[in-house]
């Protein structure tokens, strides 16, 4: 009998929640007449615009933001590009005396931030500085203070790392930037961006309390559809801290030209609402599940160790070093357990994890490390069976 598949790669993507699909379906069904272009002035268009505005309001509510501070995009990757490139362009316009602004990003950012920053550096658009992390995978926030000066346009640090699950010191970084601005005459710059893709749904993301200037979300990481994301821009697009990258229309307050994905926006809004409803209980469930999973595997295989710090780990992601097994995730795939070596964006390129490298791991340790991530539909029965299969794989390798 064929083994049933077990999905433990929720950090890569999540399945679409049926309730999200139900919310989106009317905007995909021709019979409902809800397919209009939000830019059209007739009834079809105005109905679509009303749905888009309602979705924007609901996403904003999930972040305690204003409706005009939410920009819908095609993905979190696009949102990160809009923010980083757009904010630097806005900085250059307001600081003509600074030839090359500085961009500070953490060394463990997702590729959509780190590769974008490096691309901008190669093109001579910015001078790039990276914030180091300790062996526990946590950004050394204190190092930022000495890096700040009048040339810094943006500081970017993710809320939760997508490979290790380490929770980053967002409040501390925001505070350091706030103090710098105040000490230098209540300056607008530098601005603070956080990629919150892995934090949404399990953490209390309140932009009224944590003063980030930009935030990034992705629908398919929170049981919504692929192909839609969102950027939070403090004060709205009119504040002038971000310039558009895609032109040709005034959609999304002029920051993102192109006909809006109404069904996708509705899906993202519904997904955000559902996450908020059971955030605390789900975070507690996943924390216990991942903790027990690690302890049970380690009881059978004492040589393994956690990459990171258990006390500072997000509930749903755990990265484990198996010293005696190179590329365990490949053997797991054969055993019908879906896990990964790291970010899905780099899996097909078989590139060693830059996150683990930044934590001081050598190539062998990186090759022997696997990420497991859990979610809404992960059951205890699946965890029990996954533990059994991992132990079986090790026993067969002896």
Protein backbone atom coordinates (compact mmCIF):
# COMPACT_ATOMS: atom_id res chain seq x y z
CA UNK A 1 0.00 0.00 0.00
CA UNK A 2 1.33 3.42 -0.97
CA UNK A 3 2.23 5.71 1.91
CA UNK A 4 0.15 8.83 2.35
CA UNK A 5 1.92 12.14 1.79
CA UNK A 6 2.66 14.38 4.77
CA UNK A 7 3.08 18.09 4.10
CA UNK A 8 5.54 19.82 6.46
CA UNK A 9 6.53 22.76 4.26
CA UNK A 10 4.00 25.43 5.18
CA UNK A 11 6.71 28.11 5.14
CA UNK A 12 6.99 27.55 1.38
CA UNK A 13 3.26 27.84 0.74
CA UNK A 14 -0.04 27.01 2.39
CA UNK A 15 -3.10 25.31 0.90
CA UNK A 16 -6.01 27.55 0.01
CA UNK A 17 -8.54 27.64 2.82
CA UNK A 18 -12.02 26.66 1.51
CA UNK A 19 -13.48 29.74 3.22
CA UNK A 20 -11.06 31.93 1.29
CA UNK A 21 -12.02 30.24 -1.96
CA UNK A 22 -15.70 30.78 -1.16
CA UNK A 23 -15.06 34.50 -0.66
CA UNK A 24 -13.19 34.74 -3.97
CA UNK A 25 -15.53 32.58 -6.06
CA UNK A 26 -18.16 35.25 -6.85
CA UNK A 27 -15.48 37.40 -8.49
CA UNK A 28 -14.39 34.51 -10.70
CA UNK A 29 -17.89 33.49 -11.80
CA UNK A 30 -19.25 35.26 -14.89
CA UNK A 31 -22.84 34.57 -13.86
CA UNK A 32 -22.49 36.80 -10.79
CA UNK A 33 -21.51 39.83 -12.92
CA UNK A 34 -18.70 40.75 -10.51
CA UNK A 35 -15.90 40.57 -13.06
CA UNK A 36 -15.70 44.30 -13.80
CA UNK A 37 -12.57 46.42 -14.01
CA UNK A 38 -12.36 48.61 -10.87
CA UNK A 39 -11.26 51.50 -13.08
CA UNK A 40 -14.47 51.52 -15.12
CA UNK A 41 -17.16 54.07 -14.26
CA UNK A 42 -20.17 51.90 -15.08
CA UNK A 43 -21.92 49.63 -12.63
CA UNK A 44 -19.73 46.60 -13.25
CA UNK A 45 -16.60 48.61 -12.51
CA UNK A 46 -18.02 50.36 -9.47
CA UNK A 47 -19.11 47.05 -7.95
CA UNK A 48 -15.58 45.71 -8.42
CA UNK A 49 -14.11 48.91 -6.95
CA UNK A 50 -16.34 48.60 -3.90
CA UNK A 51 -15.11 45.04 -3.35
CA UNK A 52 -11.50 46.15 -3.73
CA UNK A 53 -11.96 49.00 -1.26
CA UNK A 54 -13.63 46.65 1.22
CA UNK A 55 -10.72 44.20 0.91
CA UNK A 56 -8.24 47.04 1.47
CA UNK A 57 -10.12 48.12 4.59
CA UNK A 58 -10.10 44.58 5.99
CA UNK A 59 -6.37 44.06 5.39
CA UNK A 60 -5.70 47.45 6.99
CA UNK A 61 -7.78 46.47 10.02
CA UNK A 62 -5.67 43.33 10.49
CA UNK A 63 -2.60 45.59 10.80
CA UNK A 64 -4.31 48.48 12.64
CA UNK A 65 -3.47 50.63 9.61
CA UNK A 66 -5.35 53.12 7.47
CA UNK A 67 -7.06 51.94 4.30
CA UNK A 68 -5.00 54.25 2.10
CA UNK A 69 -1.81 52.73 3.57
CA UNK A 70 -2.42 49.34 1.88
CA UNK A 71 -1.14 48.71 -1.66
CA UNK A 72 -2.11 45.46 -3.37
CA UNK A 73 0.65 43.81 -5.42
CA UNK A 74 1.20 40.62 -7.40
CA UNK A 75 3.38 39.04 -4.67
CA UNK A 76 5.44 39.80 -1.60
CA UNK A 77 8.51 39.81 -3.87
CA UNK A 78 6.98 42.61 -5.90
CA UNK A 79 5.99 44.45 -2.72
CA UNK A 80 9.58 44.24 -1.44
CA UNK A 81 10.88 45.60 -4.74
CA UNK A 82 8.37 48.44 -4.77
CA UNK A 83 9.33 49.40 -1.24
CA UNK A 84 13.12 49.14 -1.50
CA UNK A 85 13.54 50.56 -4.98
CA UNK A 86 10.71 53.06 -4.61
CA UNK A 87 11.88 54.35 -1.24
CA UNK A 88 15.45 54.81 -2.48
CA UNK A 89 14.17 56.73 -5.52
CA UNK A 90 12.10 58.96 -3.25
CA UNK A 91 15.13 59.52 -1.02
CA UNK A 92 17.29 60.54 -3.99
CA UNK A 93 14.65 63.05 -5.11
CA UNK A 94 14.54 64.65 -1.67
CA UNK A 95 18.32 64.50 -1.10
CA UNK A 96 19.97 65.64 -4.35
CA UNK A 97 23.17 66.41 -2.43
CA UNK A 98 23.70 62.69 -1.67
CA UNK A 99 25.04 60.96 -4.76
CA UNK A 100 24.69 57.36 -3.54
CA UNK A 101 22.35 56.64 -0.62
CA UNK A 102 22.94 53.77 1.76
CA UNK A 103 20.71 50.74 2.21
CA UNK A 104 20.98 48.55 5.32
CA UNK A 105 19.51 45.04 5.26
CA UNK A 106 19.96 42.06 7.52
CA UNK A 107 22.19 39.26 6.26
CA UNK A 108 19.36 36.72 6.58
CA UNK A 109 16.69 38.42 4.46
CA UNK A 110 14.61 36.58 1.90
CA UNK A 111 16.09 36.68 -1.61
CA UNK A 112 13.47 39.21 -2.70
CA UNK A 113 15.11 41.69 -0.33
CA UNK A 114 18.75 40.59 -0.32
CA UNK A 115 19.07 39.99 -4.07
CA UNK A 116 17.21 43.22 -4.81
CA UNK A 117 19.59 45.14 -2.55
CA UNK A 118 22.62 43.54 -4.21
CA UNK A 119 21.22 44.31 -7.65
CA UNK A 120 20.79 47.96 -6.68
CA UNK A 121 24.37 48.01 -5.38
CA UNK A 122 25.73 46.53 -8.63
CA UNK A 123 23.88 49.21 -10.58
CA UNK A 124 25.45 51.93 -8.44
CA UNK A 125 22.07 52.96 -7.03
CA UNK A 126 22.96 52.30 -3.37
CA UNK A 127 25.85 51.48 -1.09
CA UNK A 128 24.82 48.29 0.70
CA UNK A 129 25.51 47.46 4.34
CA UNK A 130 24.41 44.19 5.91
CA UNK A 131 23.42 43.73 9.54
CA UNK A 132 25.11 40.63 10.99
CA UNK A 133 23.41 37.89 12.98
CA UNK A 134 24.66 35.81 15.86
CA UNK A 135 25.01 32.04 15.90
CA UNK A 136 21.41 31.91 17.13
CA UNK A 137 20.18 33.55 13.92
CA UNK A 138 19.10 36.80 15.59
CA UNK A 139 20.06 40.14 14.10
CA UNK A 140 22.56 42.14 16.15
CA UNK A 141 20.29 45.16 16.51
CA UNK A 142 22.81 47.07 18.63
CA UNK A 143 25.18 47.14 15.65
CA UNK A 144 22.68 49.27 13.75
CA UNK A 145 23.23 52.35 15.92
CA UNK A 146 26.77 52.89 14.62
CA UNK A 147 25.64 52.35 11.02
CA UNK A 148 23.04 55.12 10.91
CA UNK A 149 23.92 58.43 9.28
CA UNK A 150 22.33 61.02 6.99
CA UNK A 151 22.98 58.89 3.90
CA UNK A 152 20.85 55.93 5.02
CA UNK A 153 17.60 55.72 3.07
CA UNK A 154 16.12 52.45 4.29
CA UNK A 155 16.76 49.78 6.91
CA UNK A 156 15.18 46.39 6.20
CA UNK A 157 14.84 43.49 8.62
CA UNK A 158 12.33 40.65 8.38
CA UNK A 159 9.93 39.92 11.25
CA UNK A 160 10.44 36.14 11.24
CA UNK A 161 13.12 34.33 9.27
CA UNK A 162 11.67 31.98 6.70
CA UNK A 163 14.39 29.32 7.05
CA UNK A 164 15.02 29.11 10.80
CA UNK A 165 11.89 30.70 12.24
CA UNK A 166 13.97 33.03 14.40
CA UNK A 167 11.97 36.05 15.59
CA UNK A 168 13.88 39.25 14.89
CA UNK A 169 14.09 42.28 17.27
CA UNK A 170 11.73 44.50 15.28
CA UNK A 171 10.73 46.72 18.20
CA UNK A 172 14.37 47.33 19.14
CA UNK A 173 15.33 48.24 15.58
CA UNK A 174 12.31 50.52 15.23
CA UNK A 175 13.25 52.20 18.51
CA UNK A 176 16.87 52.79 17.42
CA UNK A 177 15.71 54.37 14.16
CA UNK A 178 13.13 56.47 16.00
CA UNK A 179 15.75 57.78 18.42
CA UNK A 180 18.09 58.64 15.55
CA UNK A 181 15.36 60.58 13.74
CA UNK A 182 14.42 62.48 16.88
CA UNK A 183 18.01 63.37 17.72
CA UNK A 184 18.51 64.71 14.21
CA UNK A 185 15.55 67.05 14.08
CA UNK A 186 12.56 64.69 13.70
CA UNK A 187 13.77 63.50 10.31
CA UNK A 188 11.65 61.33 8.04
CA UNK A 189 14.64 59.23 7.05
CA UNK A 190 15.91 56.57 7.38
CA UNK A 191 12.78 54.52 6.87
CA UNK A 192 12.22 51.07 8.34
CA UNK A 193 10.88 48.13 6.31
CA UNK A 194 10.00 44.68 7.61
CA UNK A 195 9.09 41.65 5.53
CA UNK A 196 6.32 40.16 7.68
CA UNK A 197 5.39 37.31 5.34
CA UNK A 198 6.16 34.56 7.90
CA UNK A 199 4.80 36.53 10.85
CA UNK A 200 1.31 37.33 9.61
CA UNK A 201 -1.32 35.14 11.20
CA UNK A 202 0.71 34.04 14.21
CA UNK A 203 1.99 37.36 15.60
CA UNK A 204 0.29 40.55 16.72
CA UNK A 205 1.31 42.88 13.90
CA UNK A 206 0.12 46.30 14.98
CA UNK A 207 1.71 49.14 13.01
CA UNK A 208 0.15 51.68 15.36
CA UNK A 209 2.30 50.24 18.14
CA UNK A 210 5.41 49.08 16.25
CA UNK A 211 6.53 52.05 14.13
CA UNK A 212 7.59 50.37 10.90
CA UNK A 213 7.29 52.56 7.80
CA UNK A 214 6.81 49.69 5.38
CA UNK A 215 5.54 46.15 5.76
CA UNK A 216 5.18 43.26 3.32
CA UNK A 217 2.52 40.52 3.25
CA UNK A 218 1.85 37.49 1.04
CA UNK A 219 -1.54 35.80 0.60
CA UNK A 220 -0.28 32.30 -0.12
CA UNK A 221 1.61 32.12 3.17
CA UNK A 222 -1.65 32.59 5.12
CA UNK A 223 -3.96 30.14 3.28
CA UNK A 224 -4.85 32.63 0.56
CA UNK A 225 -4.29 32.50 -3.21
CA UNK A 226 -0.95 32.68 -4.97
CA UNK A 227 -0.30 35.77 -7.08
CA UNK A 228 -1.30 38.48 -4.61
CA UNK A 229 0.55 40.34 -1.88
CA UNK A 230 0.38 43.68 -0.14
CA UNK A 231 2.64 46.53 0.88
CA UNK A 232 1.92 48.71 3.89
CA UNK A 233 3.13 52.29 3.40
CA UNK A 234 2.89 54.42 6.55
CA UNK A 235 1.01 57.63 5.91
CA UNK A 236 -0.14 56.40 2.50
CA UNK A 237 1.35 56.88 -0.93
CA UNK A 238 0.78 60.63 -0.76
CA UNK A 239 3.48 60.89 1.89
CA UNK A 240 6.06 60.67 -0.88
CA UNK A 241 8.36 58.11 0.74
CA UNK A 242 7.98 55.64 -2.10
CA UNK A 243 8.07 56.18 -5.87
CA UNK A 244 6.32 53.81 -8.30
CA UNK A 245 8.26 51.20 -10.25
CA UNK A 246 5.43 50.19 -12.58
CA UNK A 247 3.84 53.09 -14.44
CA UNK A 248 1.00 53.36 -16.91
CA UNK A 249 -1.95 53.94 -14.63
CA UNK A 250 -2.96 55.45 -11.31
CA UNK A 251 -4.09 52.23 -9.65
CA UNK A 252 -3.11 51.57 -6.03
CA UNK A 253 -2.75 55.26 -5.23
CA UNK A 254 -0.29 55.64 -8.07
CA UNK A 255 2.24 53.19 -6.64
CA UNK A 256 1.39 50.13 -8.71
CA UNK A 257 -0.05 50.58 -12.20
CA UNK A 258 -2.09 47.76 -13.73
CA UNK A 259 -5.61 46.40 -13.42
CA UNK A 260 -6.12 45.16 -9.87
CA UNK A 261 -6.62 41.49 -9.02
CA UNK A 262 -9.97 41.92 -7.27
CA UNK A 263 -10.53 38.24 -6.50
CA UNK A 264 -6.98 37.95 -5.15
CA UNK A 265 -7.39 41.02 -2.94
CA UNK A 266 -10.67 39.65 -1.59
CA UNK A 267 -8.90 36.36 -0.89
CA UNK A 268 -6.03 38.05 0.94
CA UNK A 269 -8.47 40.04 3.07
CA UNK A 270 -10.44 36.93 4.02
CA UNK A 271 -7.24 35.04 4.79
CA UNK A 272 -6.05 37.85 7.08
CA UNK A 273 -9.38 37.89 8.92
CA UNK A 274 -9.35 34.13 9.47
CA UNK A 275 -5.81 34.27 10.82
CA UNK A 276 -6.80 36.94 13.31
CA UNK A 277 -9.75 34.92 14.61
CA UNK A 278 -7.67 32.07 16.04
CA UNK A 279 -4.18 33.56 16.10
CA UNK A 280 -3.39 32.89 19.77
CA UNK A 281 -4.77 29.36 19.92
CA UNK A 282 -3.15 28.37 16.61
CA UNK A 283 0.21 29.82 17.64
CA UNK A 284 0.07 27.84 20.90
CA UNK A 285 -0.93 24.64 19.07
CA UNK A 286 1.86 24.93 16.51
CA UNK A 287 4.47 25.83 19.13
CA UNK A 288 3.62 22.72 21.15
CA UNK A 289 3.49 20.57 18.01
CA UNK A 290 6.87 21.69 16.66
CA UNK A 291 8.48 21.49 20.11
CA UNK A 292 7.21 17.93 20.67
CA UNK A 293 8.25 16.97 17.14
CA UNK A 294 11.82 18.11 17.78
CA UNK A 295 12.06 16.43 21.19
CA UNK A 296 10.71 13.12 19.92
CA UNK A 297 13.11 13.00 16.98
CA UNK A 298 16.02 14.03 19.20
CA UNK A 299 15.12 11.32 21.74
CA UNK A 300 15.66 8.73 19.01
CA UNK A 301 18.56 10.56 17.33
CA UNK A 302 20.46 12.40 20.10
CA UNK A 303 23.10 13.75 17.70
CA UNK A 304 20.75 16.21 16.03
CA UNK A 305 20.55 19.84 17.09
CA UNK A 306 18.43 22.92 16.51
CA UNK A 307 19.68 25.64 14.18
CA UNK A 308 18.73 28.69 16.18
CA UNK A 309 17.29 29.32 19.62
CA UNK A 310 14.21 27.44 20.84
CA UNK A 311 13.15 30.33 23.08
CA UNK A 312 13.20 32.80 20.16
CA UNK A 313 11.65 30.57 17.50
CA UNK A 314 8.36 31.21 15.73
CA UNK A 315 5.71 28.55 16.42
CA UNK A 316 5.55 27.04 12.94
CA UNK A 317 9.16 26.77 11.67
CA UNK A 318 12.00 24.61 12.94
CA UNK A 319 15.38 24.03 11.28
CA UNK A 320 17.23 20.89 12.38
CA UNK A 321 20.82 19.80 11.83
CA UNK A 322 21.15 16.03 11.27
CA UNK A 323 24.96 15.53 11.47
CA UNK A 324 24.83 11.99 10.13
CA UNK A 325 22.56 12.59 7.16
CA UNK A 326 23.37 14.75 4.13
CA UNK A 327 20.32 16.21 2.38
CA UNK A 328 17.75 14.46 4.49
CA UNK A 329 14.97 16.35 2.76
CA UNK A 330 15.62 14.35 -0.43
CA UNK A 331 15.20 11.04 1.41
CA UNK A 332 12.11 12.44 3.09
CA UNK A 333 10.61 13.20 -0.30
CA UNK A 334 11.01 9.54 -1.24
CA UNK A 335 9.33 8.68 2.07
CA UNK A 336 6.47 11.03 1.12
CA UNK A 337 7.26 13.71 3.71
CA UNK A 338 7.48 17.20 2.23
CA UNK A 339 10.17 19.29 3.95
CA UNK A 340 12.90 21.54 2.52
CA UNK A 341 16.50 22.66 2.67
CA UNK A 342 15.43 26.29 3.01
CA UNK A 343 13.66 28.93 0.96
CA UNK A 344 11.52 27.57 -1.89
CA UNK A 345 12.87 30.37 -4.08
CA UNK A 346 16.31 28.74 -4.15
CA UNK A 347 15.45 25.04 -3.89
CA UNK A 348 15.80 24.26 -7.59
CA UNK A 349 19.18 25.99 -7.71
CA UNK A 350 20.55 23.76 -4.90
CA UNK A 351 22.29 26.78 -3.43
CA UNK A 352 23.56 26.48 0.16
CA UNK A 353 21.50 28.45 2.65
CA UNK A 354 22.81 31.99 3.03
CA UNK A 355 20.87 32.18 6.30
CA UNK A 356 22.71 29.27 7.92
CA UNK A 357 25.98 30.56 6.45
CA UNK A 358 25.38 33.94 8.09
CA UNK A 359 24.91 32.08 11.38
CA UNK A 360 28.41 30.61 11.00
CA UNK A 361 27.45 27.16 9.71
CA UNK A 362 29.92 25.48 7.37
CA UNK A 363 28.90 23.81 4.10
CA UNK A 364 28.64 20.35 5.64
CA UNK A 365 26.34 21.53 8.40
CA UNK A 366 24.21 23.40 5.91
CA UNK A 367 23.92 20.31 3.71
CA UNK A 368 22.85 18.27 6.74
CA UNK A 369 20.12 20.70 7.82
CA UNK A 370 16.40 20.50 7.02
CA UNK A 371 13.53 22.91 7.58
CA UNK A 372 10.19 21.60 8.79
CA UNK A 373 7.20 23.93 8.94
CA UNK A 374 3.71 23.25 10.24
CA UNK A 375 0.32 24.80 9.65
CA UNK A 376 -3.43 24.88 10.00
CA UNK A 377 -4.01 21.42 8.58
CA UNK A 378 -1.10 19.61 10.24
CA UNK A 379 -2.47 16.86 12.49
CA UNK A 380 -0.95 15.00 15.42
CA UNK A 381 -1.30 11.78 13.42
CA UNK A 382 0.86 13.29 10.67
CA UNK A 383 3.49 14.32 13.20
CA UNK A 384 3.55 10.82 14.69
CA UNK A 385 4.01 9.28 11.24
CA UNK A 386 6.63 11.85 10.17
CA UNK A 387 8.70 11.08 13.27
CA UNK A 388 8.48 7.37 12.50
CA UNK A 389 9.62 7.87 8.91
CA UNK A 390 12.55 10.11 9.89
CA UNK A 391 13.79 7.48 12.36
CA UNK A 392 13.28 4.76 9.75
CA UNK A 393 15.37 6.69 7.20
CA UNK A 394 18.24 7.00 9.70
CA UNK A 395 18.11 3.36 10.65
CA UNK A 396 18.26 2.29 7.00
CA UNK A 397 21.26 4.56 6.40
CA UNK A 398 23.38 2.87 9.04
